[in-house]
Amino acid sequence: METFMRHLALALAASTALVAPSAFAQTVQTAAPAAPDQEPAFENQTRAPQPPADAEVSTETVGDGLPNLWSLEFLPDGRMLVSAKQGDLYLLGPDGELGDPIPGVPEVDARGQGGLLDVALGPDFAETGTIYFSYAEPREEGGNGTSVARGRLETGDAGTPELRDVEVIFRQTPAYDGDKHFGSRLVFAPDETLYVTVGERSDARIRDRAQDLSAGMGKIFRITPEGAPADGNPFLDQSDAQPEIWSYGHRNLQSAALDGEGRLWTVEHGPKGGDELNRPEAGLNYGWPVITYGVEYSGQPVGEGRTEAEGMEQPVYYWDPVIGPSGMAFYDGDEIPEWQGAFLVGGLVSQGVVVLHMEDDRVEYEERLSLGARIRDVKVGPDGAVYAVTETRGGGGSTIVRISGQAG
């Protein structure tokens, strides 16, 4: 059984600047904030209290010695479809046995933070076998960019899986010659449109384009399953804007999931002390890099050091110090009843699963489940258990950890 680390809210001197529900609330604090002079805009926007009681869970490894994985998706038959950063798709059986690489994946640029990224089943997967995946695509001119492709997962003549009729349906433009901040998560909405999250490519000379509606940096896109701009997008009729854009002003979006009402929520990597949870809405500007919590990795302010500005949205929640978010799921299973209605976020830096208990679209409590490893993806399985994909920095391999209720 894993236990959760507890620390008193007053354990750090800097905590006196934070808004807290009571002077003695217990919060998750791992270190002093990177930006101690910044104050949250409202109660529980950061360092929310821990719940009155922690969930008691058990963990077991169900896949070990795997390639460095980036994402996991469950097939209807219980097998796991996983993407490996270096550019391969695999099927993993319930027994944890890894199959051979599935042929048909296009070339990926796996340098730095690039590679084969997210994978999702199409809404018509049961009938057509169509899957979608995002990846860092090498471009003939200008470097690379995040792209989305789809193909049919079928059984070939040899009885092994293969990917057929692969086509790229969307490309982040313009391309950029860099190896950071590709995003990216794929989430199908209830109306079968596809949200695509991408990063702003990190470098100072390009990141300002997160504010530029004519550029695909730092955006959430909403497209049809064929890759066209979706009806109802906010900038469809604006000549100087990319019509696929849903929201903008994001940094590096590596976590996304629908809540129980079918609404999109995301967690993005911020700077040093600025990871943030948002519920992105059509046409809204989420501020990066004009406003942000946290500071540059050098310790200097980001831009003018502002945390708020007119016309720019506040995050629902932010972390300082950061968790390094990647992967996200909304828990609606019965296996771990204490987590009902919570968001589960993978932590690369915090090395575990961050559990956000929500109330009226705010974070009421924050819980931490330490797994002692970088968490790249989180999914809820058909059995109601939670599956966390670990990774080793530098490509040393992954495991898949099953998290179940104590009785399970």
Protein backbone atom coordinates (compact mmCIF):
# COMPACT_ATOMS: atom_id res chain seq x y z
CA MET A 1 0.00 0.00 0.00
CA GLU A 2 1.24 3.45 -0.88
CA THR A 3 1.01 6.26 1.70
CA PHE A 4 0.79 9.96 1.06
CA MET A 5 3.33 12.45 2.39
CA ARG A 6 1.84 15.14 4.62
CA HIS A 7 3.35 18.50 5.52
CA LEU A 8 1.92 21.37 7.62
CA ALA A 9 0.94 24.49 5.71
CA LEU A 10 3.13 26.62 7.99
CA ALA A 11 6.22 24.46 7.56
CA LEU A 12 7.61 26.89 4.98
CA ALA A 13 7.99 30.57 5.78
CA ALA A 14 6.89 31.49 2.28
CA SER A 15 3.52 29.90 2.89
CA THR A 16 2.36 32.95 4.84
CA ALA A 17 1.78 34.68 1.49
CA LEU A 18 -0.60 32.00 0.29
CA VAL A 19 -4.36 31.99 0.61
CA ALA A 20 -5.40 28.97 2.70
CA PRO A 21 -8.78 27.80 4.00
CA SER A 22 -7.49 27.79 7.57
CA ALA A 23 -4.29 28.55 9.39
CA PHE A 24 -3.68 24.89 10.14
CA ALA A 25 -4.68 23.28 6.82
CA GLN A 26 -2.45 20.45 5.70
CA THR A 27 -1.23 21.00 2.15
CA VAL A 28 1.08 19.20 -0.24
CA GLN A 29 4.34 21.11 0.01
CA THR A 30 7.56 19.69 -1.34
CA ALA A 31 9.78 22.78 -1.33
CA ALA A 32 9.72 26.54 -1.11
CA PRO A 33 8.03 28.24 -4.09
CA ALA A 34 10.14 29.41 -6.99
CA ALA A 35 8.22 32.68 -6.96
CA PRO A 36 7.56 33.43 -3.27
CA ASP A 37 6.30 36.98 -3.94
CA GLN A 38 3.46 35.82 -6.20
CA GLU A 39 0.08 35.38 -4.58
CA PRO A 40 -2.84 33.31 -5.85
CA ALA A 41 -5.85 35.14 -7.24
CA PHE A 42 -8.36 33.18 -5.17
CA GLU A 43 -8.59 30.59 -2.41
CA ASN A 44 -7.19 27.14 -3.24
CA GLN A 45 -5.73 28.29 -6.57
CA THR A 46 -2.50 26.69 -5.36
CA ARG A 47 -1.50 24.39 -2.50
CA ALA A 48 -5.03 23.29 -1.76
CA PRO A 49 -5.46 21.24 1.41
CA GLN A 50 -5.24 17.49 1.41
CA PRO A 51 -8.48 15.54 1.86
CA PRO A 52 -9.51 14.53 5.39
CA ALA A 53 -8.58 10.92 4.59
CA ASP A 54 -6.33 9.44 1.95
CA ALA A 55 -7.46 6.69 -0.37
CA GLU A 56 -5.95 3.34 0.56
CA VAL A 57 -4.70 1.67 -2.58
CA SER A 58 -2.53 -1.19 -3.73
CA THR A 59 -0.06 -1.14 -6.62
CA GLU A 60 1.32 -3.88 -8.83
CA THR A 61 3.44 -3.88 -11.95
CA VAL A 62 1.62 -5.29 -14.98
CA GLY A 63 4.25 -4.51 -17.60
CA ASP A 64 8.00 -4.30 -17.11
CA GLY A 65 11.11 -3.93 -19.24
CA LEU A 66 9.16 -1.97 -21.87
CA PRO A 67 10.51 0.59 -24.32
CA ASN A 68 10.29 4.22 -23.26
CA LEU A 69 6.53 4.72 -23.59
CA TRP A 70 4.62 7.98 -24.06
CA SER A 71 0.95 6.96 -24.00
CA LEU A 72 -1.48 4.13 -23.38
CA GLU A 73 -4.97 3.40 -24.67
CA PHE A 74 -7.18 0.42 -23.84
CA LEU A 75 -8.75 -1.60 -26.64
CA PRO A 76 -12.27 -3.00 -26.17
CA ASP A 77 -10.83 -6.49 -25.66
CA GLY A 78 -8.68 -5.35 -22.74
CA ARG A 79 -5.35 -5.20 -24.55
CA MET A 80 -3.30 -2.03 -24.28
CA LEU A 81 -2.15 -0.02 -27.28
CA VAL A 82 1.01 1.88 -26.35
CA SER A 83 3.21 4.35 -28.16
CA ALA A 84 6.97 4.38 -27.70
CA LYS A 85 8.80 7.66 -28.01
CA GLN A 86 11.30 6.37 -30.54
CA GLY A 87 8.49 5.83 -33.06
CA ASP A 88 6.80 2.46 -32.56
CA LEU A 89 3.30 1.32 -31.64
CA TYR A 90 2.85 -1.92 -29.68
CA LEU A 91 0.05 -4.07 -28.34
CA LEU A 92 0.45 -5.26 -24.77
CA GLY A 93 -1.56 -8.25 -23.59
CA PRO A 94 -3.32 -8.45 -20.21
CA ASP A 95 -0.42 -10.63 -19.07
CA GLY A 96 2.02 -7.80 -19.78
CA GLU A 97 3.57 -9.52 -22.79
CA LEU A 98 4.72 -7.01 -25.42
CA GLY A 99 4.17 -7.79 -29.07
CA ASP A 100 6.41 -6.80 -31.96
CA PRO A 101 6.34 -3.22 -33.28
CA ILE A 102 3.26 -2.60 -35.42
CA PRO A 103 4.32 -1.74 -38.98
CA GLY A 104 2.93 1.30 -40.75
CA VAL A 105 3.89 4.18 -38.45
CA PRO A 106 5.38 7.10 -40.41
CA GLU A 107 8.82 8.54 -39.67
CA VAL A 108 9.02 10.54 -36.46
CA ASP A 109 11.59 13.03 -35.20
CA ALA A 110 12.55 11.53 -31.84
CA ARG A 111 15.21 14.05 -30.89
CA GLY A 112 14.88 15.86 -27.56
CA GLN A 113 11.23 15.94 -26.53
CA GLY A 114 10.06 14.78 -29.95
CA GLY A 115 8.85 11.35 -30.94
CA LEU A 116 5.66 9.33 -31.21
CA LEU A 117 3.33 10.97 -28.73
CA ASP A 118 -0.33 10.35 -27.94
CA VAL A 119 -2.64 7.65 -29.29
CA ALA A 120 -6.45 7.52 -29.22
CA LEU A 121 -9.14 5.22 -30.55
CA GLY A 122 -11.45 6.74 -33.13
CA PRO A 123 -15.15 7.06 -32.24
CA ASP A 124 -15.85 4.35 -34.84
CA PHE A 125 -13.02 2.05 -33.73
CA ALA A 126 -15.36 -0.90 -33.09
CA GLU A 127 -16.53 -0.80 -36.71
CA THR A 128 -13.43 0.42 -38.58
CA GLY A 129 -10.41 -0.15 -36.32
CA THR A 130 -9.36 3.49 -36.84
CA ILE A 131 -6.83 4.94 -34.43
CA TYR A 132 -5.35 8.43 -34.21
CA PHE A 133 -1.86 9.38 -33.08
CA SER A 134 0.20 12.54 -32.72
CA TYR A 135 3.92 12.80 -33.32
CA ALA A 136 6.82 15.11 -34.03
CA GLU A 137 6.88 15.05 -37.81
CA PRO A 138 10.06 15.93 -39.71
CA ARG A 139 9.19 18.50 -42.37
CA GLU A 140 10.92 19.01 -45.71
CA GLU A 141 11.27 22.71 -44.98
CA GLY A 142 11.57 24.47 -41.66
CA GLY A 143 12.37 21.65 -39.25
CA ASN A 144 9.45 19.79 -37.64
CA GLY A 145 6.08 20.17 -35.95
CA THR A 146 3.34 18.27 -34.15
CA SER A 147 1.13 16.34 -36.57
CA VAL A 148 -1.88 14.07 -36.22
CA ALA A 149 -2.36 10.96 -38.34
CA ARG A 150 -4.91 8.19 -38.47
CA GLY A 151 -4.91 4.64 -39.76
CA ARG A 152 -6.73 1.33 -39.44
CA LEU A 153 -5.40 -1.18 -36.94
CA GLU A 154 -5.93 -4.57 -38.55
CA THR A 155 -4.68 -8.13 -38.40
CA GLY A 156 -2.38 -8.83 -41.33
CA ASP A 157 -1.99 -11.99 -43.38
CA ALA A 158 0.56 -13.32 -40.90
CA GLY A 159 -1.93 -12.94 -38.05
CA THR A 160 -0.07 -10.02 -36.53
CA PRO A 161 -1.34 -6.44 -36.16
CA GLU A 162 -0.47 -3.81 -38.72
CA LEU A 163 -1.47 -0.23 -39.47
CA ARG A 164 -3.04 0.40 -42.85
CA ASP A 165 -4.24 3.42 -44.85
CA VAL A 166 -2.25 5.86 -42.76
CA GLU A 167 -2.86 9.53 -43.54
CA VAL A 168 -1.82 12.77 -41.88
CA ILE A 169 -4.98 14.75 -41.15
CA PHE A 170 -3.54 17.79 -39.35
CA ARG A 171 -0.23 19.64 -39.10
CA GLN A 172 0.83 22.32 -36.65
CA THR A 173 2.14 25.21 -38.74
CA PRO A 174 4.49 26.87 -39.23
CA ALA A 175 7.23 24.29 -38.78
CA TYR A 176 10.13 25.13 -36.48
CA ASP A 177 13.65 23.75 -36.22
CA GLY A 178 13.67 22.76 -32.55
CA ASP A 179 13.35 19.71 -30.29
CA LYS A 180 11.12 20.92 -27.45
CA HIS A 181 7.47 21.49 -26.49
CA PHE A 182 5.53 19.46 -29.04
CA GLY A 183 2.63 18.78 -26.59
CA SER A 184 0.55 16.70 -27.27
CA ARG A 185 -2.68 14.98 -26.27
CA LEU A 186 -5.66 13.83 -28.31
CA VAL A 187 -9.16 13.85 -26.79
CA PHE A 188 -12.40 13.05 -28.60
CA ALA A 189 -15.36 15.13 -27.44
CA PRO A 190 -18.88 13.68 -27.07
CA ASP A 191 -19.78 15.20 -30.47
CA GLU A 192 -16.86 13.23 -32.02
CA THR A 193 -14.75 16.31 -32.70
CA LEU A 194 -11.10 15.94 -31.76
CA TYR A 195 -9.17 18.24 -29.44
CA VAL A 196 -5.45 18.43 -30.25
CA THR A 197 -3.11 20.10 -27.77
CA VAL A 198 0.29 21.40 -28.87
CA GLY A 199 3.21 23.24 -27.30
CA GLU A 200 4.66 26.63 -28.19
CA ARG A 201 8.09 25.16 -29.04
CA SER A 202 9.83 26.62 -25.97
CA ASP A 203 12.49 28.92 -27.42
CA ALA A 204 12.29 32.63 -26.59
CA ARG A 205 12.32 33.63 -30.24
CA ILE A 206 9.21 31.58 -31.04
CA ARG A 207 7.18 31.24 -27.85
CA ASP A 208 5.47 34.64 -28.20
CA ARG A 209 3.53 33.14 -31.10
CA ALA A 210 1.34 31.40 -28.54
CA GLN A 211 -0.47 34.76 -28.65
CA ASP A 212 -0.58 34.82 -32.48
CA LEU A 213 -3.78 33.42 -33.98
CA SER A 214 -2.07 33.00 -37.36
CA ALA A 215 0.44 30.54 -35.87
CA GLY A 216 -0.06 27.06 -34.44
CA MET A 217 2.19 27.44 -31.42
CA GLY A 218 0.72 27.06 -27.92
CA LYS A 219 -2.80 26.24 -29.02
CA ILE A 220 -5.64 23.81 -28.54
CA PHE A 221 -7.21 22.85 -31.85
CA ARG A 222 -10.63 21.35 -32.46
CA ILE A 223 -11.03 19.40 -35.68
CA THR A 224 -13.29 16.81 -37.28
CA PRO A 225 -12.18 13.16 -37.50
CA GLU A 226 -11.08 13.99 -41.06
CA GLY A 227 -8.95 16.93 -39.90
CA ALA A 228 -11.14 19.87 -40.98
CA PRO A 229 -11.93 22.83 -38.70
CA ALA A 230 -14.90 21.86 -36.54
CA ASP A 231 -18.19 23.73 -36.73
CA GLY A 232 -18.53 26.22 -33.90
CA ASN A 233 -14.83 27.00 -33.62
CA PRO A 234 -14.38 30.61 -32.46
CA PHE A 235 -12.16 31.89 -35.28
CA LEU A 236 -13.73 30.23 -38.31
CA ASP A 237 -14.57 33.56 -39.93
CA GLN A 238 -11.45 35.48 -38.92
CA SER A 239 -9.15 35.84 -41.93
CA ASP A 240 -5.93 36.24 -39.92
CA ALA A 241 -6.55 33.24 -37.65
CA GLN A 242 -6.13 29.51 -38.10
CA PRO A 243 -9.72 28.17 -38.17
CA GLU A 244 -8.86 25.02 -36.22
CA ILE A 245 -7.97 27.00 -33.06
CA TRP A 246 -10.15 26.47 -29.99
CA SER A 247 -8.07 28.36 -27.38
CA TYR A 248 -4.65 29.98 -27.24
CA GLY A 249 -1.93 31.39 -25.00
CA HIS A 250 -0.80 27.96 -23.78
CA ARG A 251 2.74 26.78 -23.05
CA ASN A 252 3.28 23.00 -23.31
CA LEU A 253 0.11 20.94 -23.02
CA GLN A 254 0.80 17.31 -22.11
CA SER A 255 -2.33 16.50 -20.07
CA ALA A 256 -5.93 16.55 -21.25
CA ALA A 257 -9.16 14.75 -20.35
CA LEU A 258 -12.93 15.16 -20.39
CA ASP A 259 -14.80 15.51 -17.13
CA GLY A 260 -18.07 13.77 -16.28
CA GLU A 261 -19.99 16.44 -18.24
CA GLY A 262 -17.90 15.95 -21.39
CA ARG A 263 -15.94 19.21 -20.93
CA LEU A 264 -12.25 19.48 -21.75
CA TRP A 265 -9.71 20.06 -18.96
CA THR A 266 -5.95 20.38 -19.44
CA VAL A 267 -2.77 20.65 -17.43
CA GLU A 268 0.21 22.32 -19.05
CA HIS A 269 3.87 22.60 -18.21
CA GLY A 270 4.63 26.10 -16.99
CA PRO A 271 8.01 27.66 -16.37
CA LYS A 272 9.78 27.14 -13.04
CA GLY A 273 6.83 27.20 -10.65
CA GLY A 274 3.96 27.64 -13.09
CA ASP A 275 2.29 24.36 -14.10
CA GLU A 276 -1.43 25.02 -14.44
CA LEU A 277 -4.84 23.38 -14.64
CA ASN A 278 -7.36 24.96 -17.03
CA ARG A 279 -10.80 24.30 -18.44
CA PRO A 280 -10.20 25.72 -21.93
CA GLU A 281 -13.17 27.46 -23.49
CA ALA A 282 -13.74 28.62 -27.05
CA GLY A 283 -11.78 31.69 -28.06
CA LEU A 284 -10.21 32.42 -24.68
CA ASN A 285 -6.61 33.47 -24.11
CA TYR A 286 -4.74 31.66 -21.33
CA GLY A 287 -1.94 34.16 -21.17
CA TRP A 288 1.40 32.57 -21.96
CA PRO A 289 3.95 34.16 -22.06
CA VAL A 290 2.40 37.55 -21.18
CA ILE A 291 1.11 36.35 -17.80
CA THR A 292 2.15 33.28 -15.86
CA TYR A 293 2.88 32.05 -12.38
CA GLY A 294 6.48 31.04 -11.76
CA VAL A 295 9.73 32.34 -13.21
CA GLU A 296 12.25 31.51 -15.92
CA TYR A 297 14.52 28.54 -15.21
CA SER A 298 17.26 31.13 -14.64
CA GLY A 299 15.19 32.61 -11.81
CA GLN A 300 14.47 35.81 -13.73
CA PRO A 301 10.88 37.00 -14.28
CA VAL A 302 9.01 35.80 -17.35
CA GLY A 303 8.56 38.95 -19.41
CA GLU A 304 7.32 41.68 -17.07
CA GLY A 305 6.62 39.17 -14.31
CA ARG A 306 2.85 39.64 -14.45
CA THR A 307 0.38 37.02 -13.20
CA GLU A 308 -2.77 38.71 -14.47
CA ALA A 309 -3.90 40.97 -17.31
CA GLU A 310 -7.19 42.08 -18.78
CA GLY A 311 -8.53 39.67 -21.40
CA MET A 312 -6.42 36.76 -20.17
CA GLU A 313 -7.69 33.83 -18.12
CA GLN A 314 -6.52 32.77 -14.69
CA PRO A 315 -5.69 29.09 -14.26
CA VAL A 316 -8.11 27.08 -12.17
CA TYR A 317 -5.07 25.84 -10.23
CA TYR A 318 -1.29 26.12 -10.40
CA TRP A 319 1.71 24.40 -8.85
CA ASP A 320 4.80 26.05 -7.41
CA PRO A 321 6.99 23.98 -7.20
CA VAL A 322 5.91 22.21 -10.36
CA ILE A 323 4.72 18.63 -10.75
CA GLY A 324 5.85 18.24 -14.39
CA PRO A 325 2.42 17.15 -15.72
CA SER A 326 1.93 14.46 -18.34
CA GLY A 327 -1.09 12.26 -18.86
CA MET A 328 -4.47 12.80 -17.25
CA ALA A 329 -7.69 10.93 -16.56
CA PHE A 330 -11.05 11.65 -14.97
CA TYR A 331 -11.95 8.96 -12.46
CA ASP A 332 -15.52 7.66 -12.60
CA GLY A 333 -14.91 4.03 -11.62
CA ASP A 334 -15.91 2.05 -8.54
CA GLU A 335 -12.56 0.43 -7.74
CA ILE A 336 -11.32 3.45 -5.75
CA PRO A 337 -14.45 5.22 -4.46
CA GLU A 338 -12.45 7.95 -2.69
CA TRP A 339 -11.34 9.20 -6.12
CA GLN A 340 -14.80 9.45 -7.66
CA GLY A 341 -15.05 12.66 -9.69
CA ALA A 342 -11.34 13.49 -9.31
CA PHE A 343 -8.75 14.25 -11.96
CA LEU A 344 -5.65 12.06 -11.94
CA VAL A 345 -2.55 13.76 -13.32
CA GLY A 346 0.78 12.11 -13.99
CA GLY A 347 3.77 13.84 -12.41
CA LEU A 348 7.17 13.65 -14.08
CA VAL A 349 8.80 15.82 -11.43
CA SER A 350 6.59 14.80 -8.48
CA GLN A 351 7.07 11.14 -9.51
CA GLY A 352 3.58 9.90 -8.88
CA VAL A 353 -0.09 10.55 -9.48
CA VAL A 354 -1.57 13.89 -8.43
CA VAL A 355 -5.24 13.54 -7.43
CA LEU A 356 -7.37 16.67 -7.76
CA HIS A 357 -10.69 16.50 -5.92
CA MET A 358 -13.02 19.03 -7.53
CA GLU A 359 -15.95 21.07 -6.23
CA ASP A 360 -17.79 23.61 -8.42
CA ASP A 361 -14.96 23.58 -10.97
CA ARG A 362 -12.35 24.43 -8.33
CA VAL A 363 -9.77 22.24 -6.63
CA GLU A 364 -11.11 21.42 -3.18
CA TYR A 365 -8.35 18.99 -2.18
CA GLU A 366 -5.05 17.81 -3.64
CA GLU A 367 -3.68 14.36 -2.94
CA ARG A 368 -0.36 12.79 -3.94
CA LEU A 369 0.28 9.12 -4.60
CA SER A 370 4.04 8.59 -4.72
CA LEU A 371 5.21 5.91 -7.14
CA GLY A 372 8.91 6.77 -7.11
CA ALA A 373 9.07 7.18 -10.88
CA ARG A 374 8.32 9.73 -13.59
CA ILE A 375 4.72 9.26 -14.75
CA ARG A 376 4.14 9.84 -18.46
CA ASP A 377 0.50 8.76 -18.84
CA VAL A 378 -2.50 7.85 -16.69
CA LYS A 379 -5.58 5.90 -17.79
CA VAL A 380 -8.57 4.30 -16.11
CA GLY A 381 -8.88 0.67 -17.21
CA PRO A 382 -12.07 -1.21 -18.03
CA ASP A 383 -11.73 -2.88 -14.61
CA GLY A 384 -11.95 0.48 -12.83
CA ALA A 385 -8.31 0.37 -11.77
CA VAL A 386 -5.88 3.17 -12.64
CA TYR A 387 -2.91 2.45 -14.89
CA ALA A 388 0.17 4.67 -14.71
CA VAL A 389 2.92 4.58 -17.33
CA THR A 390 6.38 5.28 -15.92
CA GLU A 391 9.40 6.40 -17.87
CA THR A 392 13.12 6.67 -17.28
CA ARG A 393 14.74 9.92 -18.34
CA GLY A 394 17.12 9.35 -21.24
CA GLY A 395 15.22 6.42 -22.72
CA GLY A 396 15.91 3.77 -20.10
CA GLY A 397 12.51 2.10 -20.39
CA SER A 398 9.04 2.05 -18.89
CA THR A 399 6.75 0.05 -16.65
CA ILE A 400 2.98 0.04 -16.31
CA VAL A 401 1.69 0.16 -12.74
CA ARG A 402 -1.87 -0.90 -11.84
CA ILE A 403 -3.41 1.03 -8.94
CA SER A 404 -6.42 -0.57 -7.30
CA GLY A 405 -8.50 -0.23 -4.15
CA GLN A 406 -7.03 -1.80 -1.06
CA ALA A 407 -9.37 -4.78 -1.31
CA GLY A 408 -8.34 -5.27 -4.96
